[in-house]
């Protein structure tokens, strides 16, 4: 009997596909909604006797192997190895074909790397400082073992030598993203190669099936040479950060049970939540959520709850992926940690776990949150401001794919701004297919594609709005002119995130942040490659040309001092502006008698 037939006999196709699709018996078939295209009525059928599946909507179909290939983006040999492991079948006829796949060799390398890192942390003297750090962070030994957390000392080629001794080729080790090749390296001897991760606490990243596909490394002791605080495995044959959700392999069953997924920002937040008993928590790996990640999450639940970081002006963390989720019809709620109760889930759990669990339970509908933010500072007696508020909210409402839900929120907007709903129904057509404008607290759009007002049609020059934006313009001009200075001021620039994310510079900042935290550096060429819109390239060129004029005479020695000065001024001016906004909001809360809102606003005001 062939390997493929043996696997089919061992695995029940209905039970297996039922892990991905909610199936119900219907005659000789089991029916459900097709996972490969959007539909409201089930046209996806699975037949146990024929060991086959078919969608009569999109036309796709096949056996259990083709389903895994289609669902997971695997090649046949990968699907074969995965299903053989699930079925407990030892491959015989096709073993050499499976072993010849470089993807499988890279997965084997990742497994060995994770084991070595874990061993160094728990069993060697080199791992003691990292182990002490994790214990100070409240991570238990059981959690360390469950998540296979590890450590790699600050040495050049610990892992590379280990993997070469295990018989892996230097080409495969480099392809796994774990080793970097110097110029003039000798591939035959392995000389001239060095480890990508050094002096870092290592968190394995697994795919949905629990296969280690990459790593995140957190630096233990920050130095000028250590690069970013977090470094991730680069894109490889097995690791595509746009398709992987950290901890989903551990969280998927609990997500199904609870009916919603909790999305946080960092690996430590995820691990802290699981350790505290909240198991439906996941994170992206330093990037905004993508269409592929949302599709992956929707297999298990149709509701997403996103956590805020309290020290990032709240909304800046929640913006990531929200619009992608809304467009795909996923319900989205916002988790807000009360002021003074921790800047992130990990810190909140340390102070009082009940506060975090309550915040998750009481997560607010995203549209309610959008309405509150848009209406907070708008003067609805001014027709121009009323139009601005309507534009911000209609851009968000237009993302909703369901007509009844969309009309419900148009009705809410009609009541709030006292405009006939018929007018709004007509006006919202302007926003269909366009990006939302609610990302910033003042209604500015989040991507760099939208940073230049009025440039896409009439090419007007970018004009900063207010002191903070003028200072940010100078900051980014200087950083683009002297990118090597970023590591020296990165922590100070990050501290300005609340200010940046209320301005037109948010998109540029996010691109720089993503590059720097992934590659320990950023370059203008890489930023330019990441931009797709002409007006965004115009904006970047505007900053570069203006920096030539404004900073032509400044010497290299003067750059650090000028950066420090600008950063200090931005912090001061933003606090002034934020206090003014908060004072107005406090007065409004007092007039309306909203005590809960008042308490939150007062706490934020006092913190400033």
Protein backbone atom coordinates (compact mmCIF):
# COMPACT_ATOMS: atom_id res chain seq x y z
CA UNK A 1 0.00 0.00 0.00
CA UNK A 2 1.32 3.47 -0.88
CA UNK A 3 2.21 6.04 1.78
CA UNK A 4 -0.55 8.38 0.59
CA UNK A 5 -3.26 5.73 0.77
CA UNK A 6 -2.09 4.61 4.20
CA UNK A 7 -2.37 8.18 5.47
CA UNK A 8 -5.86 8.55 3.97
CA UNK A 9 -6.94 5.35 5.71
CA UNK A 10 -5.58 6.54 9.04
CA UNK A 11 -7.03 10.07 8.96
CA UNK A 12 -10.76 10.83 8.86
CA UNK A 13 -11.14 13.60 6.27
CA UNK A 14 -14.28 15.01 7.91
CA UNK A 15 -12.64 15.26 11.34
CA UNK A 16 -9.48 16.75 9.85
CA UNK A 17 -11.15 19.41 7.69
CA UNK A 18 -13.49 20.06 10.63
CA UNK A 19 -10.49 21.56 12.42
CA UNK A 20 -10.52 24.34 9.82
CA UNK A 21 -14.18 24.58 8.82
CA UNK A 22 -17.32 24.30 10.92
CA UNK A 23 -19.07 21.34 9.25
CA UNK A 24 -22.64 20.09 9.68
CA UNK A 25 -24.08 16.79 8.39
CA UNK A 26 -26.19 17.18 5.25
CA UNK A 27 -27.21 13.90 3.64
CA UNK A 28 -24.15 11.92 2.54
CA UNK A 29 -21.96 15.04 2.82
CA UNK A 30 -20.85 17.42 5.54
CA UNK A 31 -21.44 21.08 4.66
CA UNK A 32 -19.82 24.35 5.68
CA UNK A 33 -18.69 27.77 4.48
CA UNK A 34 -15.81 27.56 2.03
CA UNK A 35 -12.49 28.67 3.59
CA UNK A 36 -11.15 29.77 0.19
CA UNK A 37 -13.69 32.46 -0.71
CA UNK A 38 -16.25 34.61 1.06
CA UNK A 39 -19.80 33.26 1.03
CA UNK A 40 -22.96 33.50 3.13
CA UNK A 41 -24.59 30.17 2.18
CA UNK A 42 -22.53 26.97 2.54
CA UNK A 43 -21.38 25.47 -0.74
CA UNK A 44 -18.38 23.57 0.65
CA UNK A 45 -18.92 19.77 0.86
CA UNK A 46 -16.81 16.97 2.36
CA UNK A 47 -17.55 13.32 1.56
CA UNK A 48 -16.15 10.74 3.98
CA UNK A 49 -16.67 7.70 1.75
CA UNK A 50 -14.93 9.20 -1.27
CA UNK A 51 -12.31 10.92 0.97
CA UNK A 52 -12.84 14.11 -0.98
CA UNK A 53 -13.94 17.73 -0.69
CA UNK A 54 -15.46 20.15 -3.16
CA UNK A 55 -16.66 23.75 -3.20
CA UNK A 56 -19.46 24.39 -5.68
CA UNK A 57 -18.95 28.13 -5.28
CA UNK A 58 -15.31 28.60 -6.28
CA UNK A 59 -14.83 25.21 -7.94
CA UNK A 60 -11.88 24.04 -5.85
CA UNK A 61 -11.72 20.44 -4.67
CA UNK A 62 -9.56 17.37 -4.11
CA UNK A 63 -8.39 15.04 -1.35
CA UNK A 64 -6.89 15.62 2.08
CA UNK A 65 -3.46 16.38 0.59
CA UNK A 66 -4.73 19.05 -1.80
CA UNK A 67 -6.73 20.60 1.06
CA UNK A 68 -3.60 20.99 3.20
CA UNK A 69 -1.63 22.32 0.24
CA UNK A 70 -4.33 24.89 -0.53
CA UNK A 71 -5.00 25.83 3.08
CA UNK A 72 -1.42 26.06 4.30
CA UNK A 73 0.41 27.02 1.12
CA UNK A 74 2.50 23.84 1.35
CA UNK A 75 4.20 21.89 -1.39
CA UNK A 76 3.14 18.26 -1.75
CA UNK A 77 6.16 16.85 0.10
CA UNK A 78 5.52 19.21 3.01
CA UNK A 79 1.86 18.22 3.17
CA UNK A 80 2.89 14.57 2.98
CA UNK A 81 5.30 14.88 5.91
CA UNK A 82 2.81 16.87 7.99
CA UNK A 83 -0.07 14.44 7.42
CA UNK A 84 2.20 11.45 8.00
CA UNK A 85 3.11 12.87 11.41
CA UNK A 86 -0.58 13.46 12.17
CA UNK A 87 -1.47 9.90 11.16
CA UNK A 88 1.50 8.27 12.89
CA UNK A 89 2.70 6.82 9.59
CA UNK A 90 6.41 6.13 8.99
CA UNK A 91 7.13 7.17 5.42
CA UNK A 92 8.86 4.53 3.32
CA UNK A 93 8.25 4.87 -0.40
CA UNK A 94 8.64 8.66 -0.45
CA UNK A 95 11.09 9.24 2.40
CA UNK A 96 13.95 10.38 0.15
CA UNK A 97 11.66 12.84 -1.65
CA UNK A 98 10.57 14.37 1.66
CA UNK A 99 14.11 14.65 2.96
CA UNK A 100 15.20 16.38 -0.25
CA UNK A 101 12.92 19.34 0.40
CA UNK A 102 14.93 22.35 1.60
CA UNK A 103 11.88 23.60 3.48
CA UNK A 104 11.89 20.46 5.59
CA UNK A 105 15.64 20.72 6.16
CA UNK A 106 15.19 24.31 7.37
CA UNK A 107 12.45 23.20 9.75
CA UNK A 108 14.81 20.53 11.13
CA UNK A 109 17.50 23.20 11.57
CA UNK A 110 15.06 25.43 13.46
CA UNK A 111 14.16 22.56 15.79
CA UNK A 112 17.84 21.97 16.60
CA UNK A 113 18.44 25.70 17.10
CA UNK A 114 15.51 25.97 19.51
CA UNK A 115 16.81 23.00 21.50
CA UNK A 116 20.32 24.47 21.71
CA UNK A 117 19.06 27.89 22.81
CA UNK A 118 16.81 26.26 25.43
CA UNK A 119 19.67 24.09 26.71
CA UNK A 120 22.01 27.08 27.03
CA UNK A 121 19.40 29.00 29.06
CA UNK A 122 18.59 26.23 31.51
CA UNK A 123 21.73 24.09 31.68
CA UNK A 124 24.76 26.37 31.31
CA UNK A 125 26.41 29.13 33.30
CA UNK A 126 26.18 31.40 30.22
CA UNK A 127 22.40 31.32 30.54
CA UNK A 128 22.18 32.33 34.19
CA UNK A 129 21.89 36.12 33.62
CA UNK A 130 19.09 35.57 31.09
CA UNK A 131 17.34 33.11 33.40
CA UNK A 132 17.56 35.63 36.26
CA UNK A 133 16.08 38.32 33.98
CA UNK A 134 13.12 36.10 33.04
CA UNK A 135 12.51 35.24 36.69
CA UNK A 136 12.50 38.97 37.54
CA UNK A 137 9.89 39.41 34.82
CA UNK A 138 7.76 36.79 36.58
CA UNK A 139 8.22 34.02 33.99
CA UNK A 140 8.05 30.65 35.72
CA UNK A 141 10.27 27.65 34.95
CA UNK A 142 7.20 25.77 33.71
CA UNK A 143 6.42 28.58 31.25
CA UNK A 144 10.04 28.70 30.05
CA UNK A 145 9.88 24.99 29.26
CA UNK A 146 6.40 25.14 27.71
CA UNK A 147 7.40 27.95 25.34
CA UNK A 148 10.94 26.57 24.86
CA UNK A 149 12.41 30.00 25.63
CA UNK A 150 16.16 30.02 25.18
CA UNK A 151 19.30 32.14 25.21
CA UNK A 152 22.31 32.57 22.98
CA UNK A 153 25.52 34.12 24.42
CA UNK A 154 27.21 37.09 22.81
CA UNK A 155 29.60 34.99 20.73
CA UNK A 156 30.07 34.98 17.00
CA UNK A 157 29.32 31.44 15.84
CA UNK A 158 27.97 29.25 18.67
CA UNK A 159 24.95 28.10 16.66
CA UNK A 160 26.69 27.92 13.28
CA UNK A 161 29.37 25.54 14.58
CA UNK A 162 26.75 23.43 16.36
CA UNK A 163 24.61 23.01 13.25
CA UNK A 164 27.61 22.22 11.03
CA UNK A 165 28.65 19.47 13.47
CA UNK A 166 25.12 18.07 13.22
CA UNK A 167 25.69 17.59 9.49
CA UNK A 168 23.71 20.51 8.07
CA UNK A 169 25.14 22.44 5.13
CA UNK A 170 26.14 26.06 5.49
CA UNK A 171 23.79 26.89 2.57
CA UNK A 172 20.77 25.54 4.49
CA UNK A 173 21.82 27.29 7.72
CA UNK A 174 22.05 30.62 5.87
CA UNK A 175 18.73 29.90 4.12
CA UNK A 176 17.16 29.38 7.58
CA UNK A 177 18.08 32.98 8.43
CA UNK A 178 20.18 31.91 11.42
CA UNK A 179 23.63 32.62 9.96
CA UNK A 180 25.00 35.59 8.01
CA UNK A 181 27.80 35.34 5.45
CA UNK A 182 30.69 37.80 5.46
CA UNK A 183 32.39 38.87 2.23
CA UNK A 184 34.96 36.28 1.23
CA UNK A 185 33.44 33.52 3.35
CA UNK A 186 34.50 29.91 2.66
CA UNK A 187 31.38 27.78 2.18
CA UNK A 188 33.41 24.58 2.26
CA UNK A 189 34.87 25.11 5.74
CA UNK A 190 32.16 27.38 7.18
CA UNK A 191 34.70 30.11 7.93
CA UNK A 192 33.53 33.69 7.50
CA UNK A 193 30.00 33.01 8.75
CA UNK A 194 28.51 34.37 11.97
CA UNK A 195 25.31 33.92 13.97
CA UNK A 196 22.48 36.38 13.34
CA UNK A 197 21.38 36.18 16.99
CA UNK A 198 23.94 36.93 19.71
CA UNK A 199 23.47 37.90 23.35
CA UNK A 200 19.71 37.50 23.14
CA UNK A 201 16.83 35.75 24.86
CA UNK A 202 15.27 33.60 22.16
CA UNK A 203 11.56 33.04 21.56
CA UNK A 204 10.74 30.35 18.97
CA UNK A 205 8.02 31.29 16.48
CA UNK A 206 5.85 28.38 15.37
CA UNK A 207 3.35 27.97 12.56
CA UNK A 208 -0.22 26.86 13.14
CA UNK A 209 0.92 23.23 13.43
CA UNK A 210 3.60 23.88 16.04
CA UNK A 211 6.57 23.67 13.64
CA UNK A 212 9.35 26.13 14.58
CA UNK A 213 9.69 28.44 11.56
CA UNK A 214 11.62 31.35 13.03
CA UNK A 215 12.74 33.24 16.12
CA UNK A 216 12.48 36.56 17.90
CA UNK A 217 15.58 37.54 19.86
CA UNK A 218 15.40 40.10 22.68
CA UNK A 219 18.73 41.66 23.58
CA UNK A 220 19.71 40.98 27.21
CA UNK A 221 22.15 43.87 27.66
CA UNK A 222 21.65 46.84 25.34
CA UNK A 223 24.81 48.39 23.89
CA UNK A 224 25.53 50.64 20.89
CA UNK A 225 26.53 47.52 18.95
CA UNK A 226 23.57 45.34 19.93
CA UNK A 227 21.19 46.81 17.35
CA UNK A 228 17.45 46.86 18.00
CA UNK A 229 15.94 45.53 21.21
CA UNK A 230 14.14 42.85 19.17
CA UNK A 231 15.46 41.08 16.07
CA UNK A 232 13.37 38.63 14.05
CA UNK A 233 14.24 35.88 11.61
CA UNK A 234 14.18 37.39 8.10
CA UNK A 235 11.94 36.10 5.34
CA UNK A 236 12.81 32.47 4.57
CA UNK A 237 11.28 29.52 2.73
CA UNK A 238 9.37 28.58 5.89
CA UNK A 239 8.95 31.95 7.65
CA UNK A 240 6.74 34.64 6.17
CA UNK A 241 5.88 37.08 8.95
CA UNK A 242 2.77 38.21 7.08
CA UNK A 243 1.37 34.66 7.33
CA UNK A 244 2.41 33.66 10.86
CA UNK A 245 0.63 34.59 14.10
CA UNK A 246 2.71 34.09 17.23
CA UNK A 247 1.22 31.51 19.65
CA UNK A 248 -1.75 30.63 17.44
CA UNK A 249 -0.70 26.98 17.61
CA UNK A 250 -1.13 27.12 21.40
CA UNK A 251 -4.17 29.42 21.44
CA UNK A 252 -6.37 28.06 18.63
CA UNK A 253 -8.46 25.63 20.67
CA UNK A 254 -9.15 28.19 23.41
CA UNK A 255 -10.05 30.76 20.75
CA UNK A 256 -12.63 28.34 19.37
CA UNK A 257 -14.00 27.73 22.86
CA UNK A 258 -14.18 31.40 23.88
CA UNK A 259 -15.41 32.64 20.52
CA UNK A 260 -12.89 35.48 20.23
CA UNK A 261 -9.16 36.06 19.87
CA UNK A 262 -7.14 38.56 21.93
CA UNK A 263 -4.38 40.33 19.99
CA UNK A 264 -1.51 41.98 21.89
CA UNK A 265 1.72 43.53 20.67
CA UNK A 266 4.63 41.53 22.09
CA UNK A 267 5.72 37.99 22.84
CA UNK A 268 6.12 38.74 26.56
CA UNK A 269 2.53 40.02 26.67
CA UNK A 270 1.32 36.77 25.09
CA UNK A 271 3.35 34.58 27.43
CA UNK A 272 2.25 36.54 30.52
CA UNK A 273 -1.41 36.15 29.51
CA UNK A 274 -1.12 32.40 28.94
CA UNK A 275 0.74 32.00 32.23
CA UNK A 276 -2.10 33.87 33.98
CA UNK A 277 -4.69 31.51 32.48
CA UNK A 278 -5.89 33.52 29.47
CA UNK A 279 -5.02 31.13 26.66
CA UNK A 280 -6.71 32.74 23.62
CA UNK A 281 -4.00 35.41 23.26
CA UNK A 282 -1.73 35.85 20.21
CA UNK A 283 0.53 38.49 18.65
CA UNK A 284 2.01 39.46 15.32
CA UNK A 285 5.78 39.50 14.98
CA UNK A 286 6.51 43.20 14.88
CA UNK A 287 4.25 44.04 11.97
CA UNK A 288 0.73 45.24 11.33
CA UNK A 289 -1.79 42.46 10.77
CA UNK A 290 -2.20 41.32 7.19
CA UNK A 291 -5.03 39.83 5.13
CA UNK A 292 -3.41 36.41 5.45
CA UNK A 293 -3.20 36.62 9.24
CA UNK A 294 -6.82 37.72 9.56
CA UNK A 295 -7.91 34.83 7.33
CA UNK A 296 -5.96 32.51 9.61
CA UNK A 297 -7.64 33.89 12.74
CA UNK A 298 -11.09 33.69 11.17
CA UNK A 299 -10.79 29.91 11.00
CA UNK A 300 -11.25 29.87 14.77
CA UNK A 301 -13.35 32.93 15.66
CA UNK A 302 -15.12 35.89 14.09
CA UNK A 303 -14.28 38.41 16.81
CA UNK A 304 -10.96 40.14 17.46
CA UNK A 305 -10.15 42.06 20.63
CA UNK A 306 -7.09 44.28 20.38
CA UNK A 307 -5.15 45.60 23.38
CA UNK A 308 -3.85 49.13 23.79
CA UNK A 309 -0.47 50.12 25.15
CA UNK A 310 -1.29 52.85 27.66
CA UNK A 311 2.00 54.68 27.05
CA UNK A 312 1.38 55.00 23.30
CA UNK A 313 -1.64 57.31 23.44
CA UNK A 314 -3.92 54.29 23.32
CA UNK A 315 -5.06 54.27 19.75
CA UNK A 316 -1.62 54.00 18.11
CA UNK A 317 -1.36 50.31 19.06
CA UNK A 318 -4.98 49.44 18.25
CA UNK A 319 -4.82 50.82 14.70
CA UNK A 320 -2.73 47.90 13.51
CA UNK A 321 -4.79 45.52 11.50
CA UNK A 322 -8.17 46.90 12.55
CA UNK A 323 -9.15 48.00 9.06
CA UNK A 324 -8.01 44.71 7.55
CA UNK A 325 -10.18 42.82 10.04
CA UNK A 326 -13.22 45.06 9.47
CA UNK A 327 -12.96 44.66 5.69
CA UNK A 328 -13.00 40.89 6.11
CA UNK A 329 -16.18 41.10 8.20
CA UNK A 330 -14.53 40.35 11.52
CA UNK A 331 -15.99 41.93 14.65
CA UNK A 332 -13.41 44.14 16.36
CA UNK A 333 -13.32 45.36 19.95
CA UNK A 334 -10.82 47.57 21.74
CA UNK A 335 -9.27 46.58 25.07
CA UNK A 336 -8.35 49.62 27.13
CA UNK A 337 -6.15 49.24 30.21
CA UNK A 338 -7.22 51.86 32.80
CA UNK A 339 -4.79 54.70 33.37
CA UNK A 340 -2.15 53.87 35.95
CA UNK A 341 -2.79 50.12 35.75
CA UNK A 342 0.10 49.26 33.44
CA UNK A 343 1.34 50.31 30.04
CA UNK A 344 0.78 46.85 28.51
CA UNK A 345 -0.89 43.52 29.38
CA UNK A 346 2.28 42.09 30.98
CA UNK A 347 2.63 45.06 33.33
CA UNK A 348 -1.10 45.14 34.07
CA UNK A 349 -1.10 41.45 35.00
CA UNK A 350 1.78 41.99 37.41
CA UNK A 351 -0.10 44.80 39.15
CA UNK A 352 -3.54 43.19 39.26
CA UNK A 353 -4.65 40.31 37.00
CA UNK A 354 -8.33 41.09 37.64
CA UNK A 355 -7.94 44.50 35.98
CA UNK A 356 -6.65 42.88 32.79
CA UNK A 357 -9.31 40.15 32.72
CA UNK A 358 -12.01 42.79 33.26
CA UNK A 359 -10.59 45.00 30.51
CA UNK A 360 -10.76 42.08 28.06
CA UNK A 361 -14.29 41.19 29.14
CA UNK A 362 -15.46 44.81 28.77
CA UNK A 363 -13.74 45.49 25.45
CA UNK A 364 -15.59 48.16 23.49
CA UNK A 365 -16.90 47.91 19.95
CA UNK A 366 -14.40 49.55 17.63
CA UNK A 367 -17.02 51.77 16.01
CA UNK A 368 -18.09 53.11 19.42
CA UNK A 369 -14.46 53.94 20.10
CA UNK A 370 -14.07 55.62 16.71
CA UNK A 371 -17.18 57.71 17.37
CA UNK A 372 -15.90 58.80 20.77
CA UNK A 373 -12.51 59.84 19.38
CA UNK A 374 -13.99 61.73 16.43
CA UNK A 375 -16.67 63.54 18.45
CA UNK A 376 -14.43 64.37 21.42
CA UNK A 377 -12.77 67.46 19.96
CA UNK A 378 -15.16 68.46 17.18
CA UNK A 379 -17.26 71.62 17.37
CA UNK A 380 -20.47 70.49 15.67
CA UNK A 381 -21.78 74.05 15.53
CA UNK A 382 -19.07 74.78 12.95
CA UNK A 383 -20.13 73.34 9.56
CA UNK A 384 -16.51 72.74 8.47
CA UNK A 385 -15.71 70.80 11.64
CA UNK A 386 -18.97 68.90 11.32
CA UNK A 387 -17.94 67.85 7.80
CA UNK A 388 -14.50 66.80 9.06
CA UNK A 389 -16.05 64.63 11.79
CA UNK A 390 -18.42 63.08 9.25
CA UNK A 391 -15.57 62.39 6.82
CA UNK A 392 -13.50 60.62 9.48
CA UNK A 393 -16.36 58.38 10.58
CA UNK A 394 -17.77 57.69 7.12
CA UNK A 395 -14.34 56.49 6.00
CA UNK A 396 -14.49 53.93 8.84
CA UNK A 397 -18.11 52.98 8.23
CA UNK A 398 -17.40 52.46 4.52
CA UNK A 399 -15.02 49.61 5.43
CA UNK A 400 -17.85 47.50 6.88
CA UNK A 401 -18.77 44.85 4.27
CA UNK A 402 -22.33 44.25 5.52
CA UNK A 403 -25.05 46.68 4.38
CA UNK A 404 -27.30 46.44 7.47
CA UNK A 405 -24.43 47.00 9.91
CA UNK A 406 -23.10 49.83 7.77
CA UNK A 407 -26.50 51.51 7.72
CA UNK A 408 -26.81 51.11 11.50
CA UNK A 409 -23.68 53.20 12.04
CA UNK A 410 -24.75 55.75 9.47
CA UNK A 411 -27.89 56.14 11.59
CA UNK A 412 -25.74 56.71 14.68
CA UNK A 413 -23.72 59.31 12.79
CA UNK A 414 -26.92 60.99 11.59
CA UNK A 415 -28.11 61.34 15.20
CA UNK A 416 -24.73 62.55 16.47
CA UNK A 417 -24.21 65.36 13.95
CA UNK A 418 -27.92 66.03 13.23
CA UNK A 419 -27.71 65.42 9.49
CA UNK A 420 -30.35 63.51 7.54
CA UNK A 421 -29.29 59.89 6.99
CA UNK A 422 -30.20 60.15 3.31
CA UNK A 423 -27.52 62.81 2.87
CA UNK A 424 -24.96 60.54 4.56
CA UNK A 425 -25.93 57.54 2.43
CA UNK A 426 -25.24 59.62 -0.64
CA UNK A 427 -22.03 61.13 0.72
CA UNK A 428 -20.46 57.85 1.87
CA UNK A 429 -20.04 56.79 -1.76
CA UNK A 430 -16.95 59.02 -1.82
CA UNK A 431 -15.21 56.63 0.59
CA UNK A 432 -15.96 53.25 -0.95
CA UNK A 433 -12.65 51.52 -1.70
CA UNK A 434 -10.60 54.27 -0.06
CA UNK A 435 -8.44 53.94 3.09
CA UNK A 436 -9.91 55.01 6.40
CA UNK A 437 -9.02 58.36 7.90
CA UNK A 438 -9.56 57.61 11.57
CA UNK A 439 -6.16 56.17 12.37
CA UNK A 440 -4.87 59.29 14.05
CA UNK A 441 -6.54 61.01 16.97
CA UNK A 442 -7.13 64.04 14.77
CA UNK A 443 -8.42 62.10 11.77
CA UNK A 444 -5.16 61.88 9.83
CA UNK A 445 -4.57 58.75 7.83
CA UNK A 446 -2.04 56.26 9.11
CA UNK A 447 -0.12 55.01 6.06
CA UNK A 448 2.72 56.88 4.38
CA UNK A 449 0.60 56.63 1.22
CA UNK A 450 -1.66 59.31 2.74
CA UNK A 451 0.75 61.68 4.47
CA UNK A 452 0.67 64.53 1.99
CA UNK A 453 -2.57 66.44 1.93
CA UNK A 454 -3.65 67.58 -1.52
CA UNK A 455 -0.59 66.28 -3.36
CA UNK A 456 -2.10 63.44 -5.35
CA UNK A 457 -4.01 65.75 -7.70
CA UNK A 458 -2.53 69.24 -7.64
CA UNK A 459 1.00 68.60 -6.25
CA UNK A 460 0.89 71.27 -3.55
CA UNK A 461 3.83 71.16 -1.16
CA UNK A 462 3.40 69.56 2.23
CA UNK A 463 2.67 72.17 4.92
CA UNK A 464 3.11 71.15 8.59
CA UNK A 465 0.08 71.73 10.82
CA UNK A 466 1.15 73.26 14.14
CA UNK A 467 4.38 73.32 16.17
CA UNK A 468 4.60 69.61 16.84
CA UNK A 469 4.33 68.67 13.17
CA UNK A 470 6.86 71.37 12.22
CA UNK A 471 9.33 69.97 14.74
CA UNK A 472 8.67 66.40 13.59
CA UNK A 473 9.38 67.48 10.03
CA UNK A 474 12.82 68.68 11.14
CA UNK A 475 13.42 65.51 13.14
CA UNK A 476 12.70 63.19 10.21
CA UNK A 477 14.63 65.43 7.80
CA UNK A 478 17.69 65.10 10.03
CA UNK A 479 17.28 61.34 10.52
CA UNK A 480 16.88 60.76 6.78
CA UNK A 481 20.03 62.81 6.17
CA UNK A 482 21.97 61.01 8.93
CA UNK A 483 20.43 57.51 9.33
CA UNK A 484 23.47 56.25 11.27
CA UNK A 485 22.41 58.48 14.18
CA UNK A 486 19.14 56.60 14.73
CA UNK A 487 20.52 53.91 17.10
CA UNK A 488 21.80 56.63 19.44
CA UNK A 489 18.39 58.25 19.84
CA UNK A 490 16.02 55.38 19.06
CA UNK A 491 14.66 55.03 22.59
CA UNK A 492 13.96 58.78 22.70
CA UNK A 493 12.26 58.66 19.28
CA UNK A 494 10.10 55.74 20.43
CA UNK A 495 9.06 57.75 23.48
CA UNK A 496 7.63 60.33 21.05
CA UNK A 497 5.27 57.75 19.51
CA UNK A 498 2.14 59.31 21.07
CA UNK A 499 3.05 62.61 19.43
CA UNK A 500 4.01 61.10 16.07
CA UNK A 501 0.83 59.03 15.80
CA UNK A 502 -1.40 62.11 15.86
CA UNK A 503 0.35 63.65 12.84
CA UNK A 504 1.03 63.08 9.18
CA UNK A 505 4.38 61.47 10.00
CA UNK A 506 2.90 58.29 11.46
CA UNK A 507 3.31 56.26 8.27
CA UNK A 508 6.98 57.21 7.82
CA UNK A 509 7.65 56.46 11.50
CA UNK A 510 6.02 53.01 11.21
CA UNK A 511 8.17 52.14 8.19
CA UNK A 512 11.36 53.23 9.97
CA UNK A 513 10.31 51.37 13.12
CA UNK A 514 9.56 48.17 11.21
CA UNK A 515 12.89 48.31 9.37
CA UNK A 516 14.94 49.19 12.44
CA UNK A 517 13.44 46.57 14.76
CA UNK A 518 13.76 43.89 12.06
CA UNK A 519 17.17 44.74 10.54
CA UNK A 520 18.85 46.89 13.24
CA UNK A 521 19.08 49.71 10.68
CA UNK A 522 17.07 51.60 8.12
CA UNK A 523 17.85 53.02 4.72
CA UNK A 524 16.15 55.47 2.41
CA UNK A 525 16.29 52.92 -0.43
CA UNK A 526 14.36 50.34 1.62
CA UNK A 527 11.76 52.93 2.61
CA UNK A 528 11.35 53.94 -1.01
CA UNK A 529 10.85 50.29 -1.99
CA UNK A 530 8.07 50.01 0.62
CA UNK A 531 6.11 52.92 -0.86
CA UNK A 532 3.62 52.29 -3.64
CA UNK A 533 1.95 55.68 -4.10
CA UNK A 534 3.45 58.52 -6.17
CA UNK A 535 2.37 61.19 -3.69
CA UNK A 536 4.18 59.35 -0.89
CA UNK A 537 7.41 59.30 -2.90
CA UNK A 538 6.89 63.02 -3.50
CA UNK A 539 6.62 63.49 0.27
CA UNK A 540 9.84 61.56 0.91
CA UNK A 541 11.66 63.54 -1.77
CA UNK A 542 10.30 66.75 -0.25
CA UNK A 543 11.88 65.87 3.10
CA UNK A 544 15.19 64.86 1.52
CA UNK A 545 15.46 68.03 -0.58
CA UNK A 546 14.46 70.27 2.29
CA UNK A 547 17.00 68.60 4.56
CA UNK A 548 19.72 69.47 2.03
CA UNK A 549 18.73 73.13 2.29
CA UNK A 550 18.06 73.38 6.02
CA UNK A 551 20.95 71.24 7.29
CA UNK A 552 23.58 71.91 4.63
CA UNK A 553 25.86 73.80 7.01
CA UNK A 554 25.49 71.57 10.09
CA UNK A 555 28.59 69.49 10.86
CA UNK A 556 28.61 65.79 11.81
CA UNK A 557 29.57 66.70 15.38
CA UNK A 558 26.57 69.02 15.71
CA UNK A 559 23.99 66.45 14.57
CA UNK A 560 23.58 64.58 17.91
CA UNK A 561 23.12 67.84 19.80
CA UNK A 562 20.55 69.11 17.28
CA UNK A 563 18.65 65.82 17.46
CA UNK A 564 18.52 66.01 21.26
CA UNK A 565 17.28 69.60 21.07
CA UNK A 566 14.50 68.82 18.57
CA UNK A 567 13.38 65.71 20.45
CA UNK A 568 13.14 67.70 23.69
CA UNK A 569 11.07 70.43 22.03
CA UNK A 570 8.68 67.88 20.49
CA UNK A 571 8.01 66.31 23.88
CA UNK A 572 7.38 69.70 25.49
CA UNK A 573 5.09 71.00 22.75
CA UNK A 574 3.10 67.79 22.48
CA UNK A 575 2.39 67.80 26.21
CA UNK A 576 1.16 71.39 25.95
CA UNK A 577 -1.19 70.54 23.10
CA UNK A 578 -2.37 67.34 24.78
CA UNK A 579 -3.15 69.19 28.03
CA UNK A 580 -5.30 71.66 26.08
CA UNK A 581 -7.23 68.81 24.41
CA UNK A 582 -7.68 67.04 27.76
CA UNK A 583 -8.93 70.21 29.48
CA UNK A 584 -11.65 70.57 26.85
CA UNK A 585 -12.57 66.90 27.18
CA UNK A 586 -12.66 67.15 30.99
CA UNK A 587 -15.04 70.09 30.78
CA UNK A 588 -17.27 68.17 28.37
CA UNK A 589 -17.28 65.11 30.66
CA UNK A 590 -18.20 67.27 33.64
CA UNK A 591 -21.10 68.83 31.74
CA UNK A 592 -22.43 65.45 30.65
CA UNK A 593 -21.95 63.87 34.08
CA UNK A 594 -19.81 61.02 32.68
CA UNK A 595 -17.89 60.15 35.84
CA UNK A 596 -16.01 57.15 34.42
CA UNK A 597 -14.81 59.14 31.45
CA UNK A 598 -13.90 62.06 33.71
CA UNK A 599 -11.79 59.83 35.95
CA UNK A 600 -9.82 58.48 32.98
CA UNK A 601 -9.22 61.95 31.57
CA UNK A 602 -8.09 63.35 34.92
CA UNK A 603 -5.68 60.44 35.40
CA UNK A 604 -4.12 61.07 31.98
CA UNK A 605 -3.93 64.81 32.64
CA UNK A 606 -2.17 64.25 35.95
CA UNK A 607 0.26 61.79 34.33
CA UNK A 608 1.35 64.54 31.93
